[in-house]
Protein backbone atom coordinates (compact mmCIF):
# COMPACT_ATOMS: atom_id res chain seq x y z
CA UNK A 1 -96.55 13.27 95.62
CA UNK A 2 -93.23 13.81 93.85
CA UNK A 3 -92.52 11.78 90.71
CA UNK A 4 -89.12 10.67 92.02
CA UNK A 5 -90.85 9.25 95.11
CA UNK A 6 -93.50 7.40 93.08
CA UNK A 7 -91.10 5.69 90.67
CA UNK A 8 -89.04 4.04 93.40
CA UNK A 9 -87.21 0.70 93.46
CA UNK A 10 -90.35 -1.27 94.35
CA UNK A 11 -92.37 0.29 91.52
CA UNK A 12 -89.52 -0.27 89.06
CA UNK A 13 -89.31 -3.93 90.10
CA UNK A 14 -93.01 -4.45 89.40
CA UNK A 15 -93.20 -2.28 86.29
CA UNK A 16 -92.42 -4.80 83.57
CA UNK A 17 -95.18 -7.26 82.63
CA UNK A 18 -93.64 -9.17 79.70
CA UNK A 19 -96.17 -10.22 77.08
CA UNK A 20 -99.17 -8.59 78.77
CA UNK A 21 -100.69 -5.12 79.18
CA UNK A 22 -98.57 -2.42 77.59
CA UNK A 23 -95.87 -5.04 76.97
CA UNK A 24 -98.21 -7.15 74.82
CA UNK A 25 -96.96 -7.64 71.24
CA UNK A 26 -100.12 -6.14 69.76
CA UNK A 27 -99.41 -2.95 71.74
CA UNK A 28 -95.64 -2.79 71.50
CA UNK A 29 -94.98 -3.83 67.89
CA UNK A 30 -97.06 -1.08 66.19
CA UNK A 31 -95.44 1.47 68.51
CA UNK A 32 -91.92 0.41 67.57
CA UNK A 33 -92.79 0.17 63.86
CA UNK A 34 -94.19 3.70 63.80
CA UNK A 35 -91.29 5.24 65.74
CA UNK A 36 -88.71 3.51 63.54
CA UNK A 37 -90.48 4.89 60.47
CA UNK A 38 -90.48 8.42 61.90
CA UNK A 39 -86.83 8.28 62.98
CA UNK A 40 -85.69 7.23 59.51
CA UNK A 41 -81.90 7.23 59.28
CA UNK A 42 -81.52 9.56 62.28
CA UNK A 43 -81.25 9.06 66.03
CA UNK A 44 -84.21 8.79 68.41
CA UNK A 45 -84.47 10.20 71.95
CA UNK A 46 -87.03 8.93 74.44
CA UNK A 47 -88.16 11.29 77.18
CA UNK A 48 -88.91 9.28 80.37
CA UNK A 49 -87.36 6.12 78.95
CA UNK A 50 -88.23 4.07 82.03
CA UNK A 51 -87.18 0.43 81.97
CA UNK A 52 -86.85 0.44 78.18
CA UNK A 53 -90.20 -1.05 77.21
CA UNK A 54 -90.06 0.77 73.85
CA UNK A 55 -86.39 1.76 73.63
CA UNK A 56 -84.93 -1.74 73.84
CA UNK A 57 -86.77 -3.17 70.79
CA UNK A 58 -86.48 0.15 68.94
CA UNK A 59 -82.69 0.14 69.46
CA UNK A 60 -82.51 -2.95 67.26
CA UNK A 61 -83.57 -0.73 64.35
CA UNK A 62 -82.32 2.82 65.08
CA UNK A 63 -79.89 4.50 67.48
CA UNK A 64 -81.75 5.36 70.71
CA UNK A 65 -80.89 7.48 73.75
CA UNK A 66 -82.99 8.49 76.74
CA UNK A 67 -83.69 10.86 79.59
CA UNK A 68 -85.12 9.46 82.83
CA UNK A 69 -85.87 10.99 86.25
CA UNK A 70 -85.97 7.72 88.22
CA UNK A 71 -82.65 6.04 88.96
CA UNK A 72 -84.36 2.74 89.91
CA UNK A 73 -86.01 2.66 86.46
CA UNK A 74 -82.63 3.26 84.82
CA UNK A 75 -81.17 0.43 86.90
CA UNK A 76 -83.85 -1.94 85.54
CA UNK A 77 -83.07 -0.79 82.01
CA UNK A 78 -79.38 -1.53 82.55
CA UNK A 79 -80.25 -5.21 83.05
CA UNK A 80 -81.42 -5.18 79.40
CA UNK A 81 -79.03 -2.79 77.63
CA UNK A 82 -75.73 -1.16 78.61
CA UNK A 83 -74.79 2.51 78.37
CA UNK A 84 -73.08 2.06 75.02
CA UNK A 85 -76.20 0.51 73.50
CA UNK A 86 -78.73 2.96 74.99
CA UNK A 87 -77.14 5.99 76.68
CA UNK A 88 -79.37 7.61 79.32
CA UNK A 89 -79.18 10.99 81.05
CA UNK A 90 -80.51 11.00 84.62
CA UNK A 91 -82.73 14.07 84.84
CA UNK A 92 -86.05 15.82 84.23
CA UNK A 93 -87.37 15.52 80.68
CA UNK A 94 -88.45 19.17 80.68
CA UNK A 95 -84.92 20.46 81.31
CA UNK A 96 -82.22 17.77 80.96
CA UNK A 97 -80.03 17.73 77.85
CA UNK A 98 -78.84 14.60 76.05
CA UNK A 99 -75.71 14.95 73.89
CA UNK A 100 -76.01 15.21 70.14
CA UNK A 101 -78.77 15.91 67.63
CA UNK A 102 -81.80 13.74 66.92
CA UNK A 103 -84.35 13.33 64.14
CA UNK A 104 -87.02 12.10 66.58
CA UNK A 105 -87.96 12.79 70.20
CA UNK A 106 -90.84 10.77 71.59
CA UNK A 107 -93.00 10.49 74.72
CA UNK A 108 -95.18 7.39 75.05
CA UNK A 109 -97.97 6.07 77.25
CA UNK A 110 -99.28 9.36 78.68
CA UNK A 111 -95.94 10.34 80.22
CA UNK A 112 -96.19 14.06 79.44
CA UNK A 113 -99.06 14.17 81.95
CA UNK A 114 -96.55 13.28 84.69
CA UNK A 115 -95.46 16.92 84.44
CA UNK A 116 -97.94 18.52 86.81
CA UNK A 117 -98.03 22.13 85.62
CA UNK A 118 -98.72 23.75 82.28
CA UNK A 119 -95.37 25.54 82.47
CA UNK A 120 -93.52 22.23 82.82
CA UNK A 121 -95.40 20.74 79.89
CA UNK A 122 -94.62 23.78 77.73
CA UNK A 123 -90.96 23.47 78.79
CA UNK A 124 -91.01 19.84 77.67
CA UNK A 125 -91.88 20.92 74.11
CA UNK A 126 -89.10 23.50 74.21
CA UNK A 127 -86.65 20.86 75.41
CA UNK A 128 -87.69 18.52 72.59
CA UNK A 129 -87.03 21.31 70.10
CA UNK A 130 -83.54 21.83 71.53
CA UNK A 131 -82.67 18.21 70.76
CA UNK A 132 -83.96 18.13 67.18
CA UNK A 133 -82.39 19.02 63.87
CA UNK A 134 -84.31 21.04 61.25
CA UNK A 135 -87.58 19.29 60.36
CA UNK A 136 -87.23 16.90 63.29
CA UNK A 137 -90.31 15.37 64.89
CA UNK A 138 -91.70 15.20 68.42
CA UNK A 139 -94.25 12.42 69.03
CA UNK A 140 -96.62 12.37 71.99
CA UNK A 141 -98.90 9.48 72.97
CA UNK A 142 -101.60 10.70 75.36
CA UNK A 143 -105.04 9.82 76.59
CA UNK A 144 -108.04 12.07 75.97
CA UNK A 145 -109.45 13.38 79.28
CA UNK A 146 -112.50 11.27 80.07
CA UNK A 147 -114.55 13.79 82.02
CA UNK A 148 -117.77 12.49 80.48
CA UNK A 149 -117.67 9.57 82.91
CA UNK A 150 -117.62 12.01 85.86
CA UNK A 151 -121.23 12.63 87.07
CA UNK A 152 -122.14 16.21 88.06
CA UNK A 153 -120.94 16.88 91.58
CA UNK A 154 -118.78 13.75 91.74
CA UNK A 155 -115.02 13.95 92.30
CA UNK A 156 -114.02 10.43 91.26
CA UNK A 157 -114.89 7.81 88.65
CA UNK A 158 -114.09 4.11 88.33
CA UNK A 159 -112.32 3.22 85.07
CA UNK A 160 -111.66 -0.50 85.59
CA UNK A 161 -113.05 -3.39 87.64
CA UNK A 162 -111.38 -6.75 87.11
CA UNK A 163 -110.76 -9.84 89.23
CA UNK A 164 -108.24 -8.75 91.85
CA UNK A 165 -108.09 -5.15 90.61
CA UNK A 166 -110.01 -1.87 90.84
CA UNK A 167 -108.90 1.40 89.21
CA UNK A 168 -110.41 4.83 89.76
CA UNK A 169 -109.49 8.45 89.09
CA UNK A 170 -110.06 11.40 91.43
CA UNK A 171 -110.28 14.79 89.71
CA UNK A 172 -109.47 18.41 90.44
CA UNK A 173 -111.13 19.92 87.38
CA UNK A 174 -110.19 23.49 88.34
CA UNK A 175 -106.47 22.72 87.96
CA UNK A 176 -106.75 19.90 85.37
CA UNK A 177 -105.33 17.43 87.88
CA UNK A 178 -106.18 13.76 88.24
CA UNK A 179 -104.82 11.10 90.55
CA UNK A 180 -105.08 7.53 89.30
CA UNK A 181 -105.58 4.96 92.04
CA UNK A 182 -104.74 1.31 91.31
CA UNK A 183 -105.83 -1.18 93.96
CA UNK A 184 -104.72 -4.80 93.62
CA UNK A 185 -106.09 -7.43 95.99
CA UNK A 186 -104.20 -10.41 97.33
CA UNK A 187 -105.31 -13.24 99.55
CA UNK A 188 -107.86 -12.51 102.27
CA UNK A 189 -107.85 -8.84 103.28
CA UNK A 190 -104.53 -7.99 101.61
CA UNK A 191 -104.45 -5.12 99.12
CA UNK A 192 -101.78 -2.96 97.47
CA UNK A 193 -102.39 0.66 96.45
CA UNK A 194 -100.43 2.55 93.79
CA UNK A 195 -101.26 6.19 93.08
CA UNK A 196 -99.95 8.45 90.34
CA UNK A 197 -100.75 12.16 89.84
CA UNK A 198 -101.21 13.68 86.39
CA UNK A 199 -102.11 16.93 84.70
CA UNK A 200 -104.48 16.09 81.88
CA UNK A 201 -104.21 17.95 78.58
CA UNK A 202 -106.75 18.39 75.81
CA UNK A 203 -105.46 17.85 72.24
CA UNK A 204 -106.07 21.51 71.35
CA UNK A 205 -104.04 22.66 74.35
CA UNK A 206 -101.24 20.28 73.38
CA UNK A 207 -101.23 21.78 69.86
CA UNK A 208 -100.84 25.27 71.32
CA UNK A 209 -97.91 24.10 73.46
CA UNK A 210 -96.36 22.73 70.29
CA UNK A 211 -96.74 26.08 68.49
CA UNK A 212 -95.04 27.85 71.40
CA UNK A 213 -92.14 25.42 70.99
CA UNK A 214 -91.79 26.03 67.27
CA UNK A 215 -93.69 22.94 66.10
CA UNK A 216 -96.64 22.36 63.79
CA UNK A 217 -99.01 19.40 63.98
CA UNK A 218 -98.14 16.99 61.18
CA UNK A 219 -100.58 14.16 61.93
CA UNK A 220 -102.83 12.76 64.63
CA UNK A 221 -104.23 9.24 64.84
CA UNK A 222 -106.13 7.28 67.46
CA UNK A 223 -103.36 4.71 67.88
CA UNK A 224 -99.94 3.63 66.63
CA UNK A 225 -101.51 1.67 63.77
CA UNK A 226 -102.92 4.87 62.26
CA UNK A 227 -106.62 4.51 63.08
CA UNK A 228 -108.51 7.78 62.46
CA UNK A 229 -108.81 10.12 65.43
CA UNK A 230 -112.49 10.87 66.15
CA UNK A 231 -114.64 12.37 68.89
CA UNK A 232 -114.94 8.88 70.35
CA UNK A 233 -111.17 8.21 70.51
CA UNK A 234 -109.85 7.59 73.99
CA UNK A 235 -106.22 8.37 73.15
CA UNK A 236 -104.08 9.84 70.38
CA UNK A 237 -100.65 9.61 68.81
CA UNK A 238 -99.70 13.13 67.70
CA UNK A 239 -96.72 13.94 65.50
CA UNK A 240 -95.31 17.48 65.62
CA UNK A 241 -92.71 18.72 63.17
CA UNK A 242 -90.17 21.41 63.97
CA UNK A 243 -90.71 24.37 61.68
């Protein structure tokens, strides 16, 4: 599965869920507040900007630009903000270059795991460094691999069962690969399947990637509101500062 095939026009059309899920105010507002604080008086660059879930509200507070691989996702963003308001480069976040210098580069909602090799993920850190001025920050929001829910010998685990929806992950633990399967049921026997491949990354491995890119870990919390990161945390918001 190629990322550009997954994030097609149909997926882009269904991506936004205003007011619910990752678009819920209790999710989105702390994210925007934290990123605005980290950007300060500088410019912010979002890798994999998508349809602008975070960039559009953030652009009301700081100057924002983006890089995005999927043209259909950019097209959805353009219904919310024009090129002058939020300029976007069509390309891969591990290699594409946006004009200018930034004080903040950020990657939200597990998007770094869309890069399916360690080399690509390391290149993403290097690309973030290329965009930042001295002391600039790179922020990554990422889930903690949940291998504890995988019984010995099993290759898949269910992570959600809700009315009309079942989600499960299938794992290749040798290569740190996981495919998330989202099955939504309609009337009768109707069902829709969406699959997305990922390379999961442990926090310690992410920190090493950062060091290779010239960064040092500045802070890590369990969420955008600053909750302490513990052994029980299911995700983290990590801030790396360019040395």
